Protein backbone atom coordinates (compact mmCIF):
# COMPACT_ATOMS: atom_id res chain seq x y z
CA MET A 1 0.00 0.00 0.00
CA LYS A 2 1.60 3.23 -1.20
CA LEU A 3 1.25 6.10 1.30
CA SER A 4 2.18 9.69 0.40
CA SER A 5 1.85 13.04 2.16
CA GLU A 6 -1.20 13.76 0.00
CA ASP A 7 -2.82 10.49 1.12
CA LEU A 8 -2.24 11.37 4.79
CA ILE A 9 -3.63 14.89 4.31
CA ASN A 10 -6.73 13.43 2.66
CA PHE A 11 -7.09 10.96 5.54
CA LEU A 12 -6.75 13.62 8.24
CA ALA A 13 -8.93 16.21 6.50
CA ASN A 14 -11.81 13.76 6.01
CA LEU A 15 -11.33 12.35 9.50
CA ALA A 16 -11.67 15.85 10.95
CA THR A 17 -14.41 17.40 8.86
CA LEU A 18 -16.75 14.47 8.26
CA SER A 19 -16.62 13.15 11.82
CA ALA A 20 -17.11 16.64 13.26
CA PHE A 21 -19.99 17.54 10.97
CA THR A 22 -21.79 14.32 11.80
CA PHE A 23 -22.32 15.77 15.27
CA VAL A 24 -22.72 19.46 14.37
CA PRO A 25 -26.57 19.27 14.56
CA LEU A 26 -26.37 17.89 18.12
CA TRP A 27 -24.05 20.73 19.15
CA GLY A 28 -26.31 23.24 17.44
CA LYS A 29 -29.22 21.93 19.51
CA GLU A 30 -27.22 22.43 22.70
CA LEU A 31 -26.55 26.03 21.65
CA GLY A 32 -30.28 26.60 21.26
CA LEU A 33 -30.59 26.58 17.48
CA THR A 34 -33.93 25.51 16.05
CA ASP A 35 -34.27 22.80 13.38
CA PRO A 36 -34.81 25.39 10.59
CA GLU A 37 -31.71 27.29 11.77
CA ILE A 38 -29.61 24.12 11.73
CA ALA A 39 -30.90 23.29 8.25
CA ALA A 40 -30.12 26.86 7.13
CA MET A 41 -26.54 26.53 8.43
CA ALA A 42 -26.10 23.29 6.50
CA THR A 43 -27.38 25.00 3.36
CA LEU A 44 -25.06 27.95 3.92
CA TYR A 45 -22.09 25.60 4.33
CA ALA A 46 -22.99 23.86 1.05
CA LEU A 47 -23.26 27.17 -0.80
CA ILE A 48 -19.88 28.38 0.48
CA ALA A 49 -18.20 25.04 -0.32
CA PHE A 50 -19.78 25.21 -3.79
CA SER A 51 -18.39 28.70 -4.46
CA SER A 52 -15.02 27.98 -2.88
CA GLY A 53 -14.50 24.83 -4.93
CA LEU A 54 -15.10 26.71 -8.17
CA ILE A 55 -13.06 29.82 -7.40
CA THR A 56 -10.04 28.32 -5.65
CA GLY A 57 -9.84 25.44 -8.10
CA ARG A 58 -9.62 27.97 -10.91
CA LEU A 59 -7.01 30.07 -9.11
CA SER A 60 -4.94 26.96 -8.35
CA ASP A 61 -4.74 26.26 -12.08
CA LYS A 62 -4.06 29.86 -13.04
CA PHE A 63 -1.21 30.47 -10.60
CA ALA A 64 0.19 26.93 -10.92
CA ASN A 65 0.62 26.45 -7.17
CA ARG A 66 -1.42 23.66 -5.63
CA LYS A 67 0.52 23.66 -2.36
CA LEU A 68 -0.50 27.22 -1.47
CA PHE A 69 -4.22 26.38 -1.68
CA ILE A 70 -3.81 23.13 0.24
CA ILE A 71 -2.10 25.02 3.08
CA PHE A 72 -4.74 27.78 2.99
CA GLY A 73 -7.59 25.26 3.03
CA SER A 74 -6.26 23.16 5.90
CA ILE A 75 -5.44 26.19 8.08
CA THR A 76 -8.82 27.81 7.40
CA ALA A 77 -10.71 24.61 8.22
CA MET A 78 -8.64 24.09 11.39
CA ILE A 79 -9.18 27.61 12.70
CA THR A 80 -12.87 27.72 11.93
CA ILE A 81 -13.74 24.32 13.39
CA SER A 82 -12.32 25.78 16.61
CA GLY A 83 -15.08 28.39 16.42
CA LEU A 84 -17.60 25.64 17.08
CA LEU A 85 -16.18 25.36 20.59
CA ILE A 86 -17.48 28.84 21.40
CA PRO A 87 -21.03 28.48 22.83
CA ASP A 88 -22.52 31.22 20.67
CA LYS A 89 -24.89 31.15 17.70
CA THR A 90 -22.95 33.82 15.83
CA TRP A 91 -19.67 31.93 16.04
CA PHE A 92 -21.50 28.75 15.06
CA THR A 93 -22.66 30.49 11.87
CA ILE A 94 -19.23 31.98 11.10
CA SER A 95 -17.57 28.59 11.61
CA ARG A 96 -19.92 26.85 9.20
CA ILE A 97 -19.23 29.50 6.55
CA MET A 98 -15.44 29.49 6.94
CA THR A 99 -15.09 25.71 7.10
CA GLY A 100 -16.93 25.47 3.79
CA LEU A 101 -14.42 27.95 2.38
CA GLY A 102 -11.44 25.98 3.72
CA PHE A 103 -12.50 22.49 2.68
CA GLY A 104 -13.72 23.78 -0.68
CA ALA A 105 -10.23 25.18 -1.32
CA LEU A 106 -8.28 22.17 -0.09
CA ALA A 107 -9.99 19.33 -1.94
CA PRO A 108 -9.64 20.39 -5.64
CA SER A 109 -5.99 21.41 -5.30
CA LEU A 110 -5.14 18.19 -3.48
CA VAL A 111 -6.74 16.06 -6.21
CA ALA A 112 -4.99 18.06 -8.94
CA LEU A 113 -1.60 17.73 -7.23
CA VAL A 114 -1.99 13.95 -7.00
CA SER A 115 -2.92 13.83 -10.69
CA ASP A 116 -0.01 16.13 -11.64
CA LYS A 117 2.41 13.71 -9.98
CA GLY A 118 0.94 10.77 -11.88
CA GLU A 119 -0.21 9.03 -8.71
CA LYS A 120 -3.28 6.80 -8.59
CA ILE A 121 -6.47 8.72 -7.85
CA GLY A 122 -8.32 5.64 -6.59
CA ASN A 123 -5.61 4.89 -4.05
CA PHE A 124 -5.64 8.54 -2.96
CA SER A 125 -9.46 8.65 -2.65
CA SER A 126 -9.51 5.50 -0.53
CA PHE A 127 -7.76 7.32 2.32
CA GLY A 128 -10.60 9.85 2.46
CA SER A 129 -13.04 6.99 3.10
CA LEU A 130 -10.69 5.47 5.67
CA GLY A 131 -10.50 8.84 7.42
CA TRP A 132 -14.29 9.03 7.52
CA ALA A 133 -14.56 5.51 8.97
CA SER A 134 -11.95 6.19 11.64
CA GLY A 135 -13.35 9.60 12.50
CA VAL A 136 -16.93 8.41 12.92
CA LEU A 137 -15.90 5.63 15.30
CA ILE A 138 -13.59 7.82 17.40
CA SER A 139 -16.01 10.74 17.49
CA GLY A 140 -18.87 8.42 18.41
CA VAL A 141 -16.96 7.36 21.52
CA LEU A 142 -15.86 10.91 22.39
CA GLY A 143 -19.41 12.20 21.98
CA LEU A 144 -20.64 9.83 24.67
CA PHE A 145 -18.64 11.84 27.20
CA TRP A 146 -18.34 15.41 25.86
CA ILE A 147 -19.43 16.65 22.42
CA PRO A 148 -16.86 19.51 22.24
CA ALA A 149 -14.14 16.83 22.43
CA ILE A 150 -15.14 15.86 18.89
CA PHE A 151 -14.22 19.31 17.60
CA ILE A 152 -10.94 19.37 19.56
CA PHE A 153 -10.14 16.03 17.93
CA GLY A 154 -10.91 17.56 14.53
CA ILE A 155 -8.67 20.58 15.21
CA LEU A 156 -5.73 18.31 16.09
CA ALA A 157 -6.26 16.21 12.95
CA LEU A 158 -6.34 19.31 10.71
CA GLY A 159 -3.27 20.64 12.52
CA GLY A 160 -1.46 17.49 11.41
CA ALA A 161 -2.75 17.98 7.87
CA THR A 162 -1.43 21.57 7.88
CA ILE A 163 2.06 20.47 8.96
CA LEU A 164 2.10 17.86 6.21
CA ALA A 165 0.89 20.45 3.68
CA PHE A 166 3.97 22.60 4.38
CA SER A 167 6.19 19.59 3.65
CA ILE A 168 4.68 18.88 0.22
CA ARG A 169 7.03 19.09 -2.74
CA GLU A 170 5.40 20.06 -6.01
CA GLU A 171 7.16 18.13 -8.71
CA SER A 172 4.62 18.60 -11.48
CA ARG A 173 5.31 19.96 -14.94
CA PHE A 174 3.54 23.16 -13.84
CA LEU A 175 6.44 24.29 -11.66
CA GLY A 176 9.14 26.20 -13.45
CA GLY A 177 6.90 27.02 -16.39
CA SER A 178 4.90 30.05 -17.28
CA PRO A 179 1.46 30.06 -15.63
CA LYS A 180 0.03 31.92 -18.60
CA LYS A 181 1.40 29.31 -20.99
CA ASN A 182 0.29 26.36 -18.86
CA PHE A 183 -3.16 27.77 -18.12
CA SER A 184 -5.67 26.98 -20.86
CA ASN A 185 -7.78 30.13 -20.27
CA GLU A 186 -10.98 28.16 -20.84
CA SER A 187 -13.97 29.63 -19.05
CA PHE A 188 -15.76 27.83 -16.24
CA PHE A 189 -18.54 27.05 -18.68
CA GLU A 190 -16.13 25.54 -21.21
CA VAL A 191 -14.43 23.36 -18.57
CA PHE A 192 -17.86 22.21 -17.37
CA TRP A 193 -19.25 21.68 -20.88
CA HIS A 194 -16.44 19.37 -21.96
CA ARG A 195 -17.31 17.04 -19.05
CA LYS A 196 -20.99 17.89 -18.64
CA SER A 197 -22.30 14.33 -18.88
CA ALA A 198 -20.17 13.22 -15.92
CA TYR A 199 -20.94 16.25 -13.73
CA LEU A 200 -24.69 16.11 -14.39
CA THR A 201 -24.77 12.35 -13.80
CA LEU A 202 -22.97 12.70 -10.47
CA GLY A 203 -25.11 15.69 -9.47
CA ILE A 204 -28.42 13.90 -10.07
CA ARG A 205 -27.31 10.67 -8.39
CA HIS A 206 -25.86 12.49 -5.39
CA SER A 207 -28.87 14.81 -4.97
CA PHE A 208 -31.25 11.88 -4.67
CA ALA A 209 -28.81 10.07 -2.39
CA GLN A 210 -28.77 13.19 -0.20
CA SER A 211 -32.57 13.08 -0.08
CA ILE A 212 -32.20 9.69 1.62
CA TRP A 213 -29.48 10.87 4.03
CA THR A 214 -31.67 13.78 5.16
CA PHE A 215 -33.62 11.44 7.46
CA TRP A 216 -31.16 8.54 7.56
CA PRO A 217 -30.41 8.54 11.34
CA LEU A 218 -34.14 8.74 12.10
CA PHE A 219 -34.81 5.82 9.75
CA LEU A 220 -32.14 3.71 11.48
CA LEU A 221 -33.55 4.57 14.89
CA SER A 222 -36.99 3.44 13.69
CA LEU A 223 -35.42 0.06 12.82
CA GLY A 224 -34.13 -0.32 16.38
CA ALA A 225 -30.56 0.95 16.02
CA ASN A 226 -28.87 3.04 18.70
CA THR A 227 -26.01 5.51 18.23
CA PHE A 228 -23.40 2.74 18.50
CA TRP A 229 -25.01 0.68 15.75
CA ILE A 230 -25.49 3.77 13.59
CA ALA A 231 -21.71 4.26 13.80
CA ILE A 232 -21.12 0.60 12.90
CA ILE A 233 -23.48 0.88 9.90
CA GLN A 234 -21.72 4.02 8.63
CA THR A 235 -18.31 2.44 9.17
CA THR A 236 -19.32 -0.63 7.13
CA ASN A 237 -20.06 1.69 4.22
CA ALA A 238 -16.81 3.64 4.59
CA LEU A 239 -14.57 0.58 4.93
CA THR A 240 -16.17 -0.96 1.84
CA GLN A 241 -15.40 2.25 -0.05
CA PHE A 242 -11.79 2.11 1.15
CA THR A 243 -11.36 -1.49 0.00
CA ILE A 244 -12.88 -0.95 -3.45
CA MET A 245 -11.01 2.32 -4.02
CA GLN A 246 -7.73 0.85 -2.85
CA TYR A 247 -7.76 -2.31 -4.96
CA TYR A 248 -10.05 -1.78 -7.97
CA THR A 249 -10.74 1.82 -9.00
CA ASP A 250 -7.34 2.40 -10.60
CA LYS A 251 -7.66 -0.73 -12.75
CA ILE A 252 -11.06 -0.19 -14.40
CA PRO A 253 -11.81 2.39 -17.14
CA SER A 254 -13.44 5.47 -15.62
CA LYS A 255 -16.51 5.41 -17.86
CA PHE A 256 -17.24 1.74 -17.06
CA MET A 257 -16.84 2.53 -13.35
CA MET A 258 -19.59 5.13 -13.64
CA TYR A 259 -21.88 2.53 -15.20
CA LEU A 260 -21.10 0.14 -12.34
CA GLY A 261 -21.49 2.84 -9.70
CA LEU A 262 -24.91 3.94 -10.90
CA SER A 263 -26.11 0.34 -11.19
CA PHE A 264 -25.03 -0.51 -7.64
CA SER A 265 -26.50 2.80 -6.42
CA ALA A 266 -29.96 1.92 -7.71
CA ILE A 267 -29.71 -1.56 -6.17
CA SER A 268 -28.57 -0.20 -2.80
CA PHE A 269 -31.27 2.50 -2.62
CA PHE A 270 -34.00 -0.06 -3.31
CA SER A 271 -32.46 -2.61 -0.91
CA PHE A 272 -32.96 -0.19 2.00
CA THR A 273 -36.72 -0.62 1.64
CA LEU A 274 -36.47 -4.37 2.23
CA ALA A 275 -34.89 -4.13 5.69
CA THR A 276 -37.18 -4.94 8.63
CA ASP A 277 -34.57 -4.20 11.34
CA PHE A 278 -31.18 -2.52 11.53
CA TRP A 279 -29.38 -5.84 11.04
CA GLY A 280 -30.84 -5.93 7.54
CA ILE A 281 -29.27 -2.56 6.76
CA ILE A 282 -25.69 -3.72 7.37
CA PRO A 283 -25.43 -5.85 4.17
CA THR A 284 -26.91 -2.99 2.14
CA GLN A 285 -24.01 -0.79 3.24
CA ILE A 286 -21.58 -3.05 1.43
CA ILE A 287 -23.54 -2.51 -1.79
CA LEU A 288 -23.70 1.23 -1.06
CA GLY A 289 -19.95 1.40 -0.42
CA ILE A 290 -19.25 -0.31 -3.74
CA SER A 291 -21.64 2.05 -5.52
CA TRP A 292 -20.06 5.25 -4.20
CA ALA A 293 -16.48 4.06 -4.70
CA PHE A 294 -17.12 3.40 -8.39
CA THR A 295 -19.33 6.48 -8.92
CA TYR A 296 -17.05 8.99 -7.19
CA VAL A 297 -13.65 7.78 -8.41
CA GLY A 298 -15.08 7.04 -11.86
CA THR A 299 -16.40 10.59 -12.18
CA LEU A 300 -13.23 12.09 -10.69
CA ARG A 301 -10.97 10.21 -13.09
CA TYR A 302 -13.28 10.88 -16.05
CA SER A 303 -13.13 14.64 -15.43
CA VAL A 304 -9.46 14.99 -14.44
CA GLU A 305 -8.12 12.64 -17.13
CA LYS A 306 -9.69 14.88 -19.76
CA SER A 307 -7.71 17.85 -18.40
CA ASP A 308 -4.22 18.99 -19.33
CA PHE A 309 -3.98 22.29 -17.46
CA ASP A 310 -7.40 22.57 -15.82
CA LYS A 311 -7.21 19.77 -13.27
CA SER A 312 -7.99 21.90 -10.21
CA SER A 313 -10.84 23.56 -12.09
CA SER A 314 -12.24 20.16 -13.08
CA ALA A 315 -11.92 18.80 -9.53
CA GLY A 316 -13.35 22.05 -8.17
CA ILE A 317 -16.46 21.72 -10.32
CA LEU A 318 -16.85 18.13 -9.11
CA THR A 319 -16.47 19.22 -5.46
CA SER A 320 -18.98 22.00 -6.06
CA THR A 321 -21.40 19.58 -7.75
CA MET A 322 -21.36 17.44 -4.61
CA ALA A 323 -21.83 20.52 -2.42
CA ILE A 324 -24.84 21.78 -4.36
CA SER A 325 -26.34 18.29 -4.14
CA GLY A 326 -26.36 18.83 -0.39
CA ILE A 327 -28.86 21.62 -1.01
CA PHE A 328 -31.07 19.86 -3.55
CA GLY A 329 -31.23 16.60 -1.59
CA PRO A 330 -33.15 17.89 1.44
CA LEU A 331 -35.46 19.89 -0.85
CA ILE A 332 -36.29 16.71 -2.77
CA ALA A 333 -36.97 14.85 0.47
CA LEU A 334 -39.20 17.63 1.83
CA THR A 335 -41.12 17.78 -1.46
CA ILE A 336 -41.83 14.04 -1.38
CA ILE A 337 -42.87 14.25 2.28
CA GLY A 338 -45.06 17.26 1.50
CA LEU A 339 -46.83 15.29 -1.23
CA GLY A 340 -47.75 12.59 1.28
CA GLY A 341 -44.82 10.24 0.74
CA GLY A 342 -42.66 8.65 3.38
CA TYR A 343 -39.10 7.42 3.77
CA VAL A 344 -39.68 4.32 1.66
CA GLN A 345 -41.07 6.48 -1.15
CA ILE A 346 -37.94 8.66 -1.05
CA MET A 347 -35.77 5.55 -1.48
CA ILE A 348 -37.85 4.12 -4.31
CA ILE A 349 -37.87 7.43 -6.21
CA ALA A 350 -34.09 7.72 -5.72
CA ALA A 351 -33.61 4.22 -7.15
CA VAL A 352 -35.82 4.90 -10.17
CA VAL A 353 -34.20 8.27 -10.94
CA THR A 354 -30.74 6.66 -10.68
CA VAL A 355 -31.71 4.04 -13.28
CA VAL A 356 -32.97 6.81 -15.59
CA THR A 357 -29.72 8.72 -15.00
CA LEU A 358 -27.69 5.62 -15.88
CA LEU A 359 -29.59 5.31 -19.17
CA GLY A 360 -29.09 9.02 -19.85
CA PHE A 361 -25.33 8.78 -19.26
CA TRP A 362 -25.10 5.72 -21.51
CA LEU A 363 -26.97 7.53 -24.29
CA SER A 364 -24.76 10.62 -23.92
CA GLN A 365 -21.67 8.49 -24.51
CA HIS A 366 -23.11 6.87 -27.62
CA ILE A 367 -24.73 9.94 -29.18
CA SER A 368 -21.86 12.38 -28.71
């Protein structure tokens, strides 16, 4: 197993942010925020991450310095997660905004740097999933005693990521060349348009997946799970992602991986409806982990491999696509609930739409 500084940064960044944000709603409740306010903060975070991914990804390409944006992103995320420790609604809001800015800046530049060096994107992505798995388990234990300990844990992890970011050596063809010559000067729209089928496919799939995750903990509780088993269920998903990303996603053509990912996604979404207790959900998480590993890495490779000098821009659009899905997902769920549907209906609709999206992506590859 090859392990680079970039892999460790990805591990620590995902360990910190994803584990911390799992428990942000609980902390918000303790600070006196209402459910609409917590939802609004999540939406605000998604909007900032969306904008940050686009802008900083573009700047990273233009100025040909990935390392600078990785350092900026990790420091910003570290400082602003610390703001969650302050028992104040205003600081809670500021922290959500700034962490979206930091993580949105870090992710695209990190992906582009790995690609510039010719390293395997699947191997790199697997450490993000491993970080999530580790962070959820550790934070779940810490949260039993003191919720702020989760954020302190996240600050320490991002501190480690920052130190590693300073030690990065950029050995890509971008260094030593002229940024103007190496930068393609394509507009955002042109970068998006050349890879539109992949971005739109990921955006639709992820939006409907997010509609399921909106009420996911409540669904698991209704099946008899407690917080410990919720952590185990999430970890099963994350460890499956790690395994598939580590051993398979660098060996399969990116386009075929997207076909596989969408197929497994539809199967996993529908399989949730068949569970009668939380034990029945655990096997479905293996299918879900396979689906996301192929969908995410397939889309990431598909977009970045088409880029010569716009890799951060391409990765930034992908990061932003995922962020904006975090806004559309809850809206889809609320619409279905408002029309008289329930959690099972959300899952079934997500499965059907994913099948339609798979067919649409297949057609786009054969028509164009």
